[in-house]
Amino acid sequence: MPLYRRLPKRGFTNIFAKEYTIISLSQLDKFAAGTVITSIVLAEAGLISKGAAVKILANGEIKKAFSVQVEKISAQAKAQIEAAGGKVVLSEDSKE
C-alpha cells in the first residue's frame, strides 16, 4: 500500500480564525433603555466571558432603545436596533 494511503488524513484548521460569542437580541432586551452596551457590560452581566469578542444576532425582538458597541452584528439585528431608536457602533478591533 502506498505511503500516502497509510498515513492518517488530517483536515485544515485555520489558526487565525477569530471566535465570537453569540448574543441574541432577546438577551439584550433585559438591559434598561438608554444603556450603552459594550463587551465589558455584557461580561459584568454574566452573558460572556471577559475579553471575548461578541457578535449579535437577530434572535428575538427588542422594544427599548440603547446604544451597542460590539465587534460584529448581523444586518437584521442592526436594523431592529435602529428601528427601536438605538444606535450601533462597531469596535475598532473588527476593522482589519
PDB file of N, CA and C in Angstrom:
ATOM      1  N   MET A   1       0.856  -1.177   0.000  1.00  0.00           N
ATOM      2  CA  MET A   1       0.000   0.000   0.000  1.00  0.00           C
ATOM      3  C   MET A   1       0.905   1.244   0.000  1.00  0.00           C
ATOM      4  N   PRO A   2       0.575   2.261  -0.813  1.00  0.00           N
ATOM      5  CA  PRO A   2       1.421   3.452  -0.877  1.00  0.00           C
ATOM      6  C   PRO A   2       1.421   4.230   0.442  1.00  0.00           C
ATOM      7  N   LEU A   3       2.479   4.986   0.636  1.00  0.00           N
ATOM      8  CA  LEU A   3       2.660   5.726   1.877  1.00  0.00           C
ATOM      9  C   LEU A   3       1.532   6.739   2.107  1.00  0.00           C
ATOM     10  N   TYR A   4       1.080   7.430   1.070  1.00  0.00           N
ATOM     11  CA  TYR A   4       0.049   8.465   1.263  1.00  0.00           C
ATOM     12  C   TYR A   4      -1.266   7.861   1.725  1.00  0.00           C
ATOM     13  N   ARG A   5      -1.511   6.591   1.482  1.00  0.00           N
ATOM     14  CA  ARG A   5      -2.738   5.953   1.961  1.00  0.00           C
ATOM     15  C   ARG A   5      -2.572   5.381   3.357  1.00  0.00           C
ATOM     16  N   ARG A   6      -1.351   5.145   3.771  1.00  0.00           N
ATOM     17  CA  ARG A   6      -1.105   4.597   5.110  1.00  0.00           C
ATOM     18  C   ARG A   6      -1.110   5.687   6.179  1.00  0.00           C
ATOM     19  N   LEU A   7      -0.789   6.900   5.801  1.00  0.00           N
ATOM     20  CA  LEU A   7      -0.743   7.989   6.773  1.00  0.00           C
ATOM     21  C   LEU A   7      -2.153   8.493   7.079  1.00  0.00           C
ATOM     22  N   PRO A   8      -2.405   8.944   8.307  1.00  0.00           N
ATOM     23  CA  PRO A   8      -3.747   9.443   8.644  1.00  0.00           C
ATOM     24  C   PRO A   8      -4.053  10.749   7.920  1.00  0.00           C
ATOM     25  N   LYS A   9      -5.297  10.919   7.591  1.00  0.00           N
ATOM     26  CA  LYS A   9      -5.744  12.131   6.910  1.00  0.00           C
ATOM     27  C   LYS A   9      -6.103  13.174   7.965  1.00  0.00           C
ATOM     28  N   ARG A  10      -5.703  14.374   7.705  1.00  0.00           N
ATOM     29  CA  ARG A  10      -5.979  15.465   8.636  1.00  0.00           C
ATOM     30  C   ARG A  10      -6.614  16.614   7.874  1.00  0.00           C
ATOM     31  N   GLY A  11      -7.588  17.257   8.504  1.00  0.00           N
ATOM     32  CA  GLY A  11      -8.258  18.384   7.877  1.00  0.00           C
ATOM     33  C   GLY A  11      -7.511  19.676   8.134  1.00  0.00           C
ATOM     34  N   PHE A  12      -8.043  20.742   7.608  1.00  0.00           N
ATOM     35  CA  PHE A  12      -7.448  22.064   7.773  1.00  0.00           C
ATOM     36  C   PHE A  12      -8.172  22.811   8.878  1.00  0.00           C
ATOM     37  N   THR A  13      -7.418  23.389   9.792  1.00  0.00           N
ATOM     38  CA  THR A  13      -7.964  24.242  10.837  1.00  0.00           C
ATOM     39  C   THR A  13      -7.251  25.581  10.762  1.00  0.00           C
ATOM     40  N   ASN A  14      -8.000  26.622  10.524  1.00  0.00           N
ATOM     41  CA  ASN A  14      -7.427  27.951  10.423  1.00  0.00           C
ATOM     42  C   ASN A  14      -7.079  28.451  11.820  1.00  0.00           C
ATOM     43  N   ILE A  15      -5.788  28.608  12.079  1.00  0.00           N
ATOM     44  CA  ILE A  15      -5.367  29.041  13.418  1.00  0.00           C
ATOM     45  C   ILE A  15      -5.569  30.543  13.621  1.00  0.00           C
ATOM     46  N   PHE A  16      -5.872  31.266  12.545  1.00  0.00           N
ATOM     47  CA  PHE A  16      -6.071  32.708  12.650  1.00  0.00           C
ATOM     48  C   PHE A  16      -7.552  33.092  12.716  1.00  0.00           C
ATOM     49  N   ALA A  17      -8.446  32.120  12.691  1.00  0.00           N
ATOM     50  CA  ALA A  17      -9.879  32.405  12.740  1.00  0.00           C
ATOM     51  C   ALA A  17     -10.238  33.013  14.096  1.00  0.00           C
ATOM     52  N   LYS A  18     -11.087  34.031  14.071  1.00  0.00           N
ATOM     53  CA  LYS A  18     -11.493  34.687  15.310  1.00  0.00           C
ATOM     54  C   LYS A  18     -12.805  34.087  15.789  1.00  0.00           C
ATOM     55  N   GLU A  19     -12.855  33.726  17.047  1.00  0.00           N
ATOM     56  CA  GLU A  19     -14.045  33.126  17.656  1.00  0.00           C
ATOM     57  C   GLU A  19     -14.910  34.241  18.254  1.00  0.00           C
ATOM     58  N   TYR A  20     -16.205  34.170  17.992  1.00  0.00           N
ATOM     59  CA  TYR A  20     -17.146  35.154  18.520  1.00  0.00           C
ATOM     60  C   TYR A  20     -18.150  34.473  19.445  1.00  0.00           C
ATOM     61  N   THR A  21     -18.511  35.167  20.519  1.00  0.00           N
ATOM     62  CA  THR A  21     -19.576  34.715  21.395  1.00  0.00           C
ATOM     63  C   THR A  21     -20.883  35.289  20.850  1.00  0.00           C
ATOM     64  N   ILE A  22     -21.861  34.424  20.648  1.00  0.00           N
ATOM     65  CA  ILE A  22     -23.130  34.826  20.046  1.00  0.00           C
ATOM     66  C   ILE A  22     -24.082  35.334  21.134  1.00  0.00           C
ATOM     67  N   ILE A  23     -24.618  36.527  20.895  1.00  0.00           N
ATOM     68  CA  ILE A  23     -25.613  37.128  21.781  1.00  0.00           C
ATOM     69  C   ILE A  23     -26.843  37.444  20.929  1.00  0.00           C
ATOM     70  N   SER A  24     -28.026  37.126  21.435  1.00  0.00           N
ATOM     71  CA  SER A  24     -29.252  37.412  20.688  1.00  0.00           C
ATOM     72  C   SER A  24     -29.893  38.697  21.213  1.00  0.00           C
ATOM     73  N   LEU A  25     -30.780  39.247  20.402  1.00  0.00           N
ATOM     74  CA  LEU A  25     -31.465  40.480  20.800  1.00  0.00           C
ATOM     75  C   LEU A  25     -32.337  40.269  22.034  1.00  0.00           C
ATOM     76  N   SER A  26     -32.880  39.074  22.184  1.00  0.00           N
ATOM     77  CA  SER A  26     -33.716  38.809  23.363  1.00  0.00           C
ATOM     78  C   SER A  26     -32.892  38.876  24.651  1.00  0.00           C
ATOM     79  N   GLN A  27     -31.599  38.555  24.577  1.00  0.00           N
ATOM     80  CA  GLN A  27     -30.738  38.674  25.753  1.00  0.00           C
ATOM     81  C   GLN A  27     -30.425  40.141  26.061  1.00  0.00           C
ATOM     82  N   LEU A  28     -30.368  40.973  25.030  1.00  0.00           N
ATOM     83  CA  LEU A  28     -30.085  42.394  25.242  1.00  0.00           C
ATOM     84  C   LEU A  28     -31.290  43.144  25.780  1.00  0.00           C
ATOM     85  N   ASP A  29     -32.481  42.592  25.595  1.00  0.00           N
ATOM     86  CA  ASP A  29     -33.713  43.272  25.996  1.00  0.00           C
ATOM     87  C   ASP A  29     -33.827  43.424  27.514  1.00  0.00           C
ATOM     88  N   LYS A  30     -33.020  42.691  28.283  1.00  0.00           N
ATOM     89  CA  LYS A  30     -33.109  42.802  29.743  1.00  0.00           C
ATOM     90  C   LYS A  30     -32.407  44.047  30.275  1.00  0.00           C
ATOM     91  N   PHE A  31     -31.607  44.718  29.440  1.00  0.00           N
ATOM     92  CA  PHE A  31     -30.943  45.944  29.878  1.00  0.00           C
ATOM     93  C   PHE A  31     -31.919  47.112  29.834  1.00  0.00           C
ATOM     94  N   ALA A  32     -31.654  48.124  30.630  1.00  0.00           N
ATOM     95  CA  ALA A  32     -32.526  49.294  30.696  1.00  0.00           C
ATOM     96  C   ALA A  32     -32.388  50.136  29.436  1.00  0.00           C
ATOM     97  N   ALA A  33     -33.430  50.855  29.108  1.00  0.00           N
ATOM     98  CA  ALA A  33     -33.411  51.722  27.927  1.00  0.00           C
ATOM     99  C   ALA A  33     -32.364  52.816  28.121  1.00  0.00           C
ATOM    100  N   GLY A  34     -31.647  53.146  27.047  1.00  0.00           N
ATOM    101  CA  GLY A  34     -30.619  54.178  27.102  1.00  0.00           C
ATOM    102  C   GLY A  34     -29.261  53.684  27.537  1.00  0.00           C
ATOM    103  N   THR A  35     -29.122  52.412  27.816  1.00  0.00           N
ATOM    104  CA  THR A  35     -27.855  51.845  28.252  1.00  0.00           C
ATOM    105  C   THR A  35     -26.889  51.741  27.079  1.00  0.00           C
ATOM    106  N   VAL A  36     -25.608  51.984  27.324  1.00  0.00           N
ATOM    107  CA  VAL A  36     -24.571  51.748  26.323  1.00  0.00           C
ATOM    108  C   VAL A  36     -24.037  50.339  26.570  1.00  0.00           C
ATOM    109  N   ILE A  37     -24.312  49.432  25.642  1.00  0.00           N
ATOM    110  CA  ILE A  37     -23.948  48.028  25.814  1.00  0.00           C
ATOM    111  C   ILE A  37     -22.625  47.770  25.113  1.00  0.00           C
ATOM    112  N   THR A  38     -21.617  47.374  25.892  1.00  0.00           N
ATOM    113  CA  THR A  38     -20.298  47.029  25.366  1.00  0.00           C
ATOM    114  C   THR A  38     -19.944  45.622  25.830  1.00  0.00           C
ATOM    115  N   SER A  39     -18.788  45.142  25.419  1.00  0.00           N
ATOM    116  CA  SER A  39     -18.324  43.826  25.855  1.00  0.00           C
ATOM    117  C   SER A  39     -18.127  43.787  27.363  1.00  0.00           C
ATOM    118  N   ILE A  40     -17.698  44.893  27.939  1.00  0.00           N
ATOM    119  CA  ILE A  40     -17.477  44.960  29.386  1.00  0.00           C
ATOM    120  C   ILE A  40     -18.802  44.835  30.130  1.00  0.00           C
ATOM    121  N   VAL A  41     -19.835  45.524  29.660  1.00  0.00           N
ATOM    122  CA  VAL A  41     -21.158  45.456  30.290  1.00  0.00           C
ATOM    123  C   VAL A  41     -21.721  44.044  30.182  1.00  0.00           C
ATOM    124  N   LEU A  42     -21.546  43.404  29.031  1.00  0.00           N
ATOM    125  CA  LEU A  42     -22.029  42.032  28.844  1.00  0.00           C
ATOM    126  C   LEU A  42     -21.288  41.057  29.756  1.00  0.00           C
ATOM    127  N   ALA A  43     -19.993  41.280  29.965  1.00  0.00           N
ATOM    128  CA  ALA A  43     -19.209  40.410  30.853  1.00  0.00           C
ATOM    129  C   ALA A  43     -19.650  40.590  32.302  1.00  0.00           C
ATOM    130  N   GLU A  44     -19.933  41.825  32.703  1.00  0.00           N
ATOM    131  CA  GLU A  44     -20.398  42.075  34.070  1.00  0.00           C
ATOM    132  C   GLU A  44     -21.769  41.465  34.318  1.00  0.00           C
ATOM    133  N   ALA A  45     -22.588  41.389  33.261  1.00  0.00           N
ATOM    134  CA  ALA A  45     -23.920  40.789  33.389  1.00  0.00           C
ATOM    135  C   ALA A  45     -23.862  39.268  33.350  1.00  0.00           C
ATOM    136  N   GLY A  46     -22.690  38.705  33.027  1.00  0.00           N
ATOM    137  CA  GLY A  46     -22.534  37.256  33.016  1.00  0.00           C
ATOM    138  C   GLY A  46     -22.942  36.596  31.708  1.00  0.00           C
ATOM    139  N   LEU A  47     -23.133  37.383  30.649  1.00  0.00           N
ATOM    140  CA  LEU A  47     -23.537  36.810  29.368  1.00  0.00           C
ATOM    141  C   LEU A  47     -22.355  36.287  28.556  1.00  0.00           C
ATOM    142  N   ILE A  48     -21.179  36.883  28.742  1.00  0.00           N
ATOM    143  CA  ILE A  48     -19.974  36.428  28.035  1.00  0.00           C
ATOM    144  C   ILE A  48     -18.824  36.357  29.025  1.00  0.00           C
ATOM    145  N   SER A  49     -17.742  35.731  28.606  1.00  0.00           N
ATOM    146  CA  SER A  49     -16.549  35.733  29.442  1.00  0.00           C
ATOM    147  C   SER A  49     -15.750  36.998  29.153  1.00  0.00           C
ATOM    148  N   LYS A  50     -14.936  37.410  30.101  1.00  0.00           N
ATOM    149  CA  LYS A  50     -14.201  38.658  29.987  1.00  0.00           C
ATOM    150  C   LYS A  50     -13.228  38.602  28.810  1.00  0.00           C
ATOM    151  N   GLY A  51     -13.240  39.622  27.980  1.00  0.00           N
ATOM    152  CA  GLY A  51     -12.331  39.715  26.849  1.00  0.00           C
ATOM    153  C   GLY A  51     -12.782  38.987  25.599  1.00  0.00           C
ATOM    154  N   ALA A  52     -13.970  38.408  25.598  1.00  0.00           N
ATOM    155  CA  ALA A  52     -14.466  37.665  24.437  1.00  0.00           C
ATOM    156  C   ALA A  52     -15.005  38.630  23.384  1.00  0.00           C
ATOM    157  N   ALA A  53     -14.839  38.262  22.123  1.00  0.00           N
ATOM    158  CA  ALA A  53     -15.408  39.034  21.024  1.00  0.00           C
ATOM    159  C   ALA A  53     -16.893  38.684  20.905  1.00  0.00           C
ATOM    160  N   VAL A  54     -17.717  39.659  20.534  1.00  0.00           N
ATOM    161  CA  VAL A  54     -19.165  39.475  20.545  1.00  0.00           C
ATOM    162  C   VAL A  54     -19.743  39.680  19.146  1.00  0.00           C
ATOM    163  N   LYS A  55     -20.690  38.817  18.789  1.00  0.00           N
ATOM    164  CA  LYS A  55     -21.487  39.002  17.584  1.00  0.00           C
ATOM    165  C   LYS A  55     -22.948  38.940  17.996  1.00  0.00           C
ATOM    166  N   ILE A  56     -23.731  39.930  17.560  1.00  0.00           N
ATOM    167  CA  ILE A  56     -25.148  39.988  17.912  1.00  0.00           C
ATOM    168  C   ILE A  56     -25.962  39.490  16.729  1.00  0.00           C
ATOM    169  N   LEU A  57     -26.867  38.555  17.017  1.00  0.00           N
ATOM    170  CA  LEU A  57     -27.766  38.020  16.000  1.00  0.00           C
ATOM    171  C   LEU A  57     -29.194  38.443  16.308  1.00  0.00           C
ATOM    172  N   ALA A  58     -30.053  38.414  15.294  1.00  0.00           N
ATOM    173  CA  ALA A  58     -31.418  38.914  15.412  1.00  0.00           C
ATOM    174  C   ALA A  58     -32.393  37.846  15.873  1.00  0.00           C
ATOM    175  N   ASN A  59     -32.074  37.137  16.939  1.00  0.00           N
ATOM    176  CA  ASN A  59     -32.999  36.164  17.523  1.00  0.00           C
ATOM    177  C   ASN A  59     -33.809  36.878  18.589  1.00  0.00           C
ATOM    178  N   GLY A  60     -35.099  37.024  18.373  1.00  0.00           N
ATOM    179  CA  GLY A  60     -35.955  37.729  19.310  1.00  0.00           C
ATOM    180  C   GLY A  60     -36.209  39.146  18.842  1.00  0.00           C
ATOM    181  N   GLU A  61     -36.858  39.910  19.697  1.00  0.00           N
ATOM    182  CA  GLU A  61     -37.187  41.298  19.377  1.00  0.00           C
ATOM    183  C   GLU A  61     -36.807  42.194  20.539  1.00  0.00           C
ATOM    184  N   ILE A  62     -36.615  43.464  20.228  1.00  0.00           N
ATOM    185  CA  ILE A  62     -36.345  44.447  21.276  1.00  0.00           C
ATOM    186  C   ILE A  62     -37.342  45.583  21.143  1.00  0.00           C
ATOM    187  N   LYS A  63     -37.664  46.176  22.250  1.00  0.00           N
ATOM    188  CA  LYS A  63     -38.606  47.285  22.280  1.00  0.00           C
ATOM    189  C   LYS A  63     -37.958  48.556  22.831  1.00  0.00           C
ATOM    190  N   LYS A  64     -36.747  48.433  23.388  1.00  0.00           N
ATOM    191  CA  LYS A  64     -36.077  49.560  24.024  1.00  0.00           C
ATOM    192  C   LYS A  64     -34.974  50.098  23.121  1.00  0.00           C
ATOM    193  N   ALA A  65     -34.659  51.374  23.302  1.00  0.00           N
ATOM    194  CA  ALA A  65     -33.578  51.997  22.544  1.00  0.00           C
ATOM    195  C   ALA A  65     -32.319  52.027  23.400  1.00  0.00           C
ATOM    196  N   PHE A  66     -31.243  51.485  22.868  1.00  0.00           N
ATOM    197  CA  PHE A  66     -29.955  51.562  23.539  1.00  0.00           C
ATOM    198  C   PHE A  66     -28.842  51.566  22.506  1.00  0.00           C
ATOM    199  N   SER A  67     -27.670  51.980  22.940  1.00  0.00           N
ATOM    200  CA  SER A  67     -26.502  52.040  22.069  1.00  0.00           C
ATOM    201  C   SER A  67     -25.690  50.765  22.251  1.00  0.00           C
ATOM    202  N   VAL A  68     -25.226  50.180  21.131  1.00  0.00           N
ATOM    203  CA  VAL A  68     -24.497  48.922  21.167  1.00  0.00           C
ATOM    204  C   VAL A  68     -23.131  49.129  20.535  1.00  0.00           C
ATOM    205  N   GLN A  69     -22.063  48.722  21.235  1.00  0.00           N
ATOM    206  CA  GLN A  69     -20.697  48.779  20.710  1.00  0.00           C
ATOM    207  C   GLN A  69     -20.104  47.378  20.791  1.00  0.00           C
ATOM    208  N   VAL A  70     -20.094  46.666  19.652  1.00  0.00           N
ATOM    209  CA  VAL A  70     -19.576  45.292  19.598  1.00  0.00           C
ATOM    210  C   VAL A  70     -18.699  45.118  18.369  1.00  0.00           C
ATOM    211  N   GLU A  71     -18.093  43.924  18.241  1.00  0.00           N
ATOM    212  CA  GLU A  71     -17.201  43.641  17.128  1.00  0.00           C
ATOM    213  C   GLU A  71     -17.952  43.335  15.830  1.00  0.00           C
ATOM    214  N   LYS A  72     -19.049  42.562  15.930  1.00  0.00           N
ATOM    215  CA  LYS A  72     -19.828  42.202  14.747  1.00  0.00           C
ATOM    216  C   LYS A  72     -21.307  42.212  15.082  1.00  0.00           C
ATOM    217  N   ILE A  73     -22.129  42.447  14.052  1.00  0.00           N
ATOM    218  CA  ILE A  73     -23.571  42.422  14.221  1.00  0.00           C
ATOM    219  C   ILE A  73     -24.195  42.041  12.885  1.00  0.00           C
ATOM    220  N   SER A  74     -25.266  41.274  12.938  1.00  0.00           N
ATOM    221  CA  SER A  74     -25.943  40.900  11.698  1.00  0.00           C
ATOM    222  C   SER A  74     -26.753  42.084  11.189  1.00  0.00           C
ATOM    223  N   ALA A  75     -27.052  42.068   9.895  1.00  0.00           N
ATOM    224  CA  ALA A  75     -27.783  43.174   9.279  1.00  0.00           C
ATOM    225  C   ALA A  75     -29.195  43.307   9.859  1.00  0.00           C
ATOM    226  N   GLN A  76     -29.860  42.178  10.118  1.00  0.00           N
ATOM    227  CA  GLN A  76     -31.212  42.224  10.680  1.00  0.00           C
ATOM    228  C   GLN A  76     -31.199  42.768  12.106  1.00  0.00           C
ATOM    229  N   ALA A  77     -30.198  42.377  12.892  1.00  0.00           N
ATOM    230  CA  ALA A  77     -30.109  42.870  14.264  1.00  0.00           C
ATOM    231  C   ALA A  77     -29.857  44.375  14.268  1.00  0.00           C
ATOM    232  N   LYS A  78     -28.996  44.833  13.387  1.00  0.00           N
ATOM    233  CA  LYS A  78     -28.713  46.271  13.287  1.00  0.00           C
ATOM    234  C   LYS A  78     -29.973  47.037  12.900  1.00  0.00           C
ATOM    235  N   ALA A  79     -30.737  46.497  11.954  1.00  0.00           N
ATOM    236  CA  ALA A  79     -31.967  47.152  11.522  1.00  0.00           C
ATOM    237  C   ALA A  79     -32.989  47.213  12.654  1.00  0.00           C
ATOM    238  N   GLN A  80     -33.103  46.144  13.449  1.00  0.00           N
ATOM    239  CA  GLN A  80     -34.070  46.135  14.556  1.00  0.00           C
ATOM    240  C   GLN A  80     -33.668  47.109  15.654  1.00  0.00           C
ATOM    241  N   ILE A  81     -32.372  47.199  15.950  1.00  0.00           N
ATOM    242  CA  ILE A  81     -31.913  48.124  16.986  1.00  0.00           C
ATOM    243  C   ILE A  81     -32.152  49.562  16.546  1.00  0.00           C
ATOM    244  N   GLU A  82     -31.850  49.871  15.291  1.00  0.00           N
ATOM    245  CA  GLU A  82     -32.056  51.229  14.792  1.00  0.00           C
ATOM    246  C   GLU A  82     -33.535  51.564  14.654  1.00  0.00           C
ATOM    247  N   ALA A  83     -34.375  50.563  14.340  1.00  0.00           N
ATOM    248  CA  ALA A  83     -35.815  50.795  14.257  1.00  0.00           C
ATOM    249  C   ALA A  83     -36.407  51.101  15.632  1.00  0.00           C
ATOM    250  N   ALA A  84     -35.813  50.554  16.682  1.00  0.00           N
ATOM    251  CA  ALA A  84     -36.284  50.820  18.040  1.00  0.00           C
ATOM    252  C   ALA A  84     -35.755  52.149  18.570  1.00  0.00           C
ATOM    253  N   GLY A  85     -34.916  52.828  17.772  1.00  0.00           N
ATOM    254  CA  GLY A  85     -34.389  54.127  18.197  1.00  0.00           C
ATOM    255  C   GLY A  85     -32.991  54.046  18.767  1.00  0.00           C
ATOM    256  N   GLY A  86     -32.338  52.906  18.642  1.00  0.00           N
ATOM    257  CA  GLY A  86     -30.996  52.735  19.176  1.00  0.00           C
ATOM    258  C   GLY A  86     -29.916  53.085  18.175  1.00  0.00           C
ATOM    259  N   LYS A  87     -28.673  52.855  18.577  1.00  0.00           N
ATOM    260  CA  LYS A  87     -27.518  53.195  17.756  1.00  0.00           C
ATOM    261  C   LYS A  87     -26.535  52.033  17.802  1.00  0.00           C
ATOM    262  N   VAL A  88     -25.906  51.727  16.652  1.00  0.00           N
ATOM    263  CA  VAL A  88     -24.945  50.631  16.568  1.00  0.00           C
ATOM    264  C   VAL A  88     -23.594  51.192  16.155  1.00  0.00           C
ATOM    265  N   VAL A  89     -22.556  50.853  16.938  1.00  0.00           N
ATOM    266  CA  VAL A  89     -21.184  51.259  16.631  1.00  0.00           C
ATOM    267  C   VAL A  89     -20.328  50.000  16.652  1.00  0.00           C
ATOM    268  N   LEU A  90     -19.602  49.747  15.564  1.00  0.00           N
ATOM    269  CA  LEU A  90     -18.705  48.596  15.528  1.00  0.00           C
ATOM    270  C   LEU A  90     -17.376  48.983  16.144  1.00  0.00           C
ATOM    271  N   SER A  91     -16.780  48.067  16.920  1.00  0.00           N
ATOM    272  CA  SER A  91     -15.500  48.335  17.580  1.00  0.00           C
ATOM    273  C   SER A  91     -14.388  48.450  16.544  1.00  0.00           C
ATOM    274  N   GLU A  92     -13.322  49.112  16.905  1.00  0.00           N
ATOM    275  CA  GLU A  92     -12.183  49.325  16.015  1.00  0.00           C
ATOM    276  C   GLU A  92     -11.407  48.031  15.773  1.00  0.00           C
ATOM    277  N   ASP A  93     -11.504  47.060  16.678  1.00  0.00           N
ATOM    278  CA  ASP A  93     -10.778  45.795  16.526  1.00  0.00           C
ATOM    279  C   ASP A  93     -11.231  45.013  15.302  1.00  0.00           C
ATOM    280  N   SER A  94     -12.493  45.172  14.898  1.00  0.00           N
ATOM    281  CA  SER A  94     -13.034  44.379  13.803  1.00  0.00           C
ATOM    282  C   SER A  94     -12.676  44.944  12.441  1.00  0.00           C
ATOM    283  N   LYS A  95     -12.151  46.144  12.379  1.00  0.00           N
ATOM    284  CA  LYS A  95     -11.849  46.750  11.076  1.00  0.00           C
ATOM    285  C   LYS A  95     -10.426  46.415  10.688  1.00  0.00           C
ATOM    286  N   GLU A  96     -10.264  45.257  10.082  1.00  0.00           N
ATOM    287  CA  GLU A  96      -8.935  44.782   9.676  1.00  0.00           C
ATOM    288  C   GLU A  96      -8.770  44.889   8.201  1.00  0.00           C
TER     289      GLU A  96
END
